[in-house]
Amino acid sequence: MITDPLDYIEAFAQAGADHITFHIESHSPIKETIKAIKELGLTVGLTLKPGTPAEDLKEYIADIDMVLVMTVEPGFGGQNFMTDMLEKITAIRSWADEVNPALHIEVDGGIKKDTAKLVKDAGANVLVAGTAFFRHPEGMKAAVQELG
């Protein structure tokens, strides 16, 4: 989460990154940033905060490898999953199926047993779980099994 990701792409690539995901809300021009990442042979993703409409990324879906849908406001762990983000995931999956079926949809925020099923059913295939993983009462292995 940096303001001007375009300024740092080359440094991340030189440090060994093979994928860069940046916020669509950043100050860098989106098309130019996507192009710069791909020119370095890296894969690219766009992140959407909860308040950003899915439509804001529709025109880029064919050109990217992943979308990260934030289902909480970025900043700290333990927040509650925002169920209204399910519609956003479903819309993105639908658009991707038309122009980029291999697009990964990653979801971050409030992922636990019940919400994992919801986001997978909506079309997500990459889940980020922090609190559910590290604070599971039966340990990390149980958390992984539970999230399926």
Protein backbone atom coordinates (compact mmCIF):
# COMPACT_ATOMS: atom_id res chain seq x y z
CA MET A 1 0.00 0.00 0.00
CA ILE A 2 2.06 2.84 -1.34
CA THR A 3 0.90 6.10 -2.88
CA ASP A 4 2.93 5.96 -6.10
CA PRO A 5 3.64 2.31 -6.98
CA LEU A 6 4.95 3.18 -10.43
CA ASP A 7 8.00 4.78 -8.77
CA TYR A 8 8.93 1.49 -7.05
CA ILE A 9 8.24 -1.24 -9.61
CA GLU A 10 11.80 -1.57 -10.85
CA ALA A 11 13.18 -1.72 -7.29
CA PHE A 12 10.71 -4.47 -6.35
CA ALA A 13 11.60 -6.42 -9.51
CA GLN A 14 15.31 -6.11 -8.76
CA ALA A 15 14.64 -7.32 -5.21
CA GLY A 16 13.13 -10.51 -6.64
CA ALA A 17 9.39 -9.85 -6.84
CA ASP A 18 7.57 -11.88 -9.46
CA HIS A 19 4.12 -10.35 -8.84
CA ILE A 20 3.07 -6.81 -7.92
CA THR A 21 -0.41 -5.88 -6.79
CA PHE A 22 -1.25 -2.20 -6.33
CA HIS A 23 -4.28 -0.26 -5.18
CA ILE A 24 -6.46 1.09 -7.94
CA GLU A 25 -6.87 4.10 -5.65
CA SER A 26 -3.14 4.92 -5.77
CA HIS A 27 -1.83 8.05 -7.49
CA SER A 28 0.02 6.20 -10.27
CA PRO A 29 -1.65 6.00 -13.68
CA ILE A 30 -3.21 2.54 -13.80
CA LYS A 31 -2.56 1.59 -17.44
CA GLU A 32 1.02 2.84 -17.29
CA THR A 33 1.66 0.99 -14.03
CA ILE A 34 0.24 -2.27 -15.41
CA LYS A 35 2.37 -1.89 -18.54
CA ALA A 36 5.54 -1.19 -16.55
CA ILE A 37 5.01 -4.28 -14.39
CA LYS A 38 4.38 -6.54 -17.39
CA GLU A 39 7.39 -5.15 -19.29
CA LEU A 40 9.57 -6.47 -16.46
CA GLY A 41 8.07 -9.94 -16.94
CA LEU A 42 6.05 -9.81 -13.72
CA THR A 43 2.41 -10.62 -13.15
CA VAL A 44 0.15 -7.84 -11.96
CA GLY A 45 -2.87 -7.39 -9.74
CA LEU A 46 -5.19 -4.57 -8.75
CA THR A 47 -6.58 -4.06 -5.25
CA LEU A 48 -9.95 -2.51 -4.45
CA LYS A 49 -10.83 -1.02 -1.09
CA PRO A 50 -14.40 -1.63 0.12
CA GLY A 51 -15.61 1.82 -0.94
CA THR A 52 -14.32 1.52 -4.50
CA PRO A 53 -16.91 0.23 -6.98
CA ALA A 54 -16.06 -2.93 -8.91
CA GLU A 55 -16.82 -1.02 -12.12
CA ASP A 56 -13.65 1.03 -11.58
CA LEU A 57 -11.52 -1.97 -12.57
CA LYS A 58 -13.70 -3.53 -15.27
CA GLU A 59 -11.69 -2.01 -18.14
CA TYR A 60 -8.44 -3.52 -16.77
CA ILE A 61 -9.60 -7.12 -16.20
CA ALA A 62 -8.28 -8.41 -19.52
CA ASP A 63 -4.80 -6.99 -18.76
CA ILE A 64 -4.19 -8.22 -15.22
CA ASP A 65 -3.56 -11.54 -13.50
CA MET A 66 -5.31 -10.97 -10.19
CA VAL A 67 -7.81 -8.76 -8.38
CA LEU A 68 -7.60 -8.35 -4.61
CA VAL A 69 -10.95 -7.42 -3.09
CA MET A 70 -10.57 -5.97 0.38
CA THR A 71 -13.51 -7.08 2.51
CA VAL A 72 -12.47 -4.83 5.40
CA GLU A 73 -10.84 -1.42 5.46
CA PRO A 74 -7.06 -1.85 5.16
CA GLY A 75 -5.08 -1.16 8.29
CA PHE A 76 -5.48 -3.71 11.06
CA GLY A 77 -6.51 -7.31 11.66
CA GLY A 78 -9.57 -8.69 13.39
CA GLN A 79 -12.17 -6.62 11.56
CA ASN A 80 -15.54 -8.05 10.63
CA PHE A 81 -16.14 -9.24 7.09
CA MET A 82 -18.25 -6.83 5.01
CA THR A 83 -20.91 -9.04 3.42
CA ASP A 84 -21.81 -6.42 0.83
CA MET A 85 -18.44 -7.15 -0.82
CA LEU A 86 -19.83 -10.49 -2.05
CA GLU A 87 -21.67 -8.69 -4.85
CA LYS A 88 -18.39 -7.11 -5.92
CA ILE A 89 -16.67 -10.51 -6.06
CA THR A 90 -19.54 -11.99 -8.08
CA ALA A 91 -19.49 -9.12 -10.57
CA ILE A 92 -15.72 -9.34 -11.06
CA ARG A 93 -15.89 -13.12 -11.56
CA SER A 94 -18.64 -12.66 -14.16
CA TRP A 95 -16.66 -10.05 -16.11
CA ALA A 96 -13.48 -12.11 -15.88
CA ASP A 97 -15.22 -15.22 -17.19
CA GLU A 98 -15.94 -13.26 -20.39
CA VAL A 99 -12.47 -11.82 -21.08
CA ASN A 100 -9.94 -13.39 -18.69
CA PRO A 101 -11.15 -16.69 -17.16
CA ALA A 102 -7.73 -17.34 -15.60
CA LEU A 103 -8.00 -14.19 -13.46
CA HIS A 104 -7.39 -14.92 -9.80
CA ILE A 105 -9.72 -13.22 -7.36
CA GLU A 106 -8.12 -12.83 -3.95
CA VAL A 107 -10.07 -11.75 -0.88
CA ASP A 108 -8.55 -10.24 2.26
CA GLY A 109 -10.38 -9.32 5.45
CA GLY A 110 -12.50 -11.18 7.92
CA ILE A 111 -11.86 -14.57 6.34
CA LYS A 112 -12.80 -17.47 8.58
CA LYS A 113 -14.74 -20.71 8.23
CA ASP A 114 -18.12 -19.23 7.32
CA THR A 115 -16.88 -16.32 5.20
CA ALA A 116 -14.38 -18.53 3.32
CA LYS A 117 -17.29 -20.52 1.90
CA LEU A 118 -19.17 -17.36 0.97
CA VAL A 119 -16.29 -15.80 -0.96
CA LYS A 120 -15.44 -19.06 -2.74
CA ASP A 121 -19.07 -19.45 -3.76
CA ALA A 122 -18.98 -15.86 -5.08
CA GLY A 123 -15.97 -16.65 -7.28
CA ALA A 124 -12.82 -16.02 -5.24
CA ASN A 125 -10.03 -18.57 -5.44
CA VAL A 126 -7.30 -17.00 -3.27
CA LEU A 127 -8.06 -16.28 0.39
CA VAL A 128 -6.01 -14.31 2.89
CA ALA A 129 -6.61 -15.25 6.52
CA GLY A 130 -4.71 -13.64 9.36
CA THR A 131 -6.68 -13.57 12.57
CA ALA A 132 -8.49 -16.83 11.78
CA PHE A 133 -5.14 -18.50 11.19
CA PHE A 134 -3.03 -17.12 14.01
CA ARG A 135 -5.74 -17.05 16.68
CA HIS A 136 -7.45 -20.36 15.96
CA PRO A 137 -8.04 -22.08 19.33
CA GLU A 138 -6.85 -25.44 17.96
CA GLY A 139 -3.79 -24.10 16.12
CA MET A 140 -2.76 -23.19 12.61
CA LYS A 141 -3.17 -26.65 11.11
CA ALA A 142 -6.80 -26.77 12.25
CA ALA A 143 -7.36 -23.30 10.80
CA VAL A 144 -6.06 -24.36 7.39
CA GLN A 145 -8.25 -27.46 7.38
CA GLU A 146 -11.26 -25.42 8.44
CA LEU A 147 -10.81 -22.85 5.69
CA GLY A 148 -10.61 -25.62 3.07
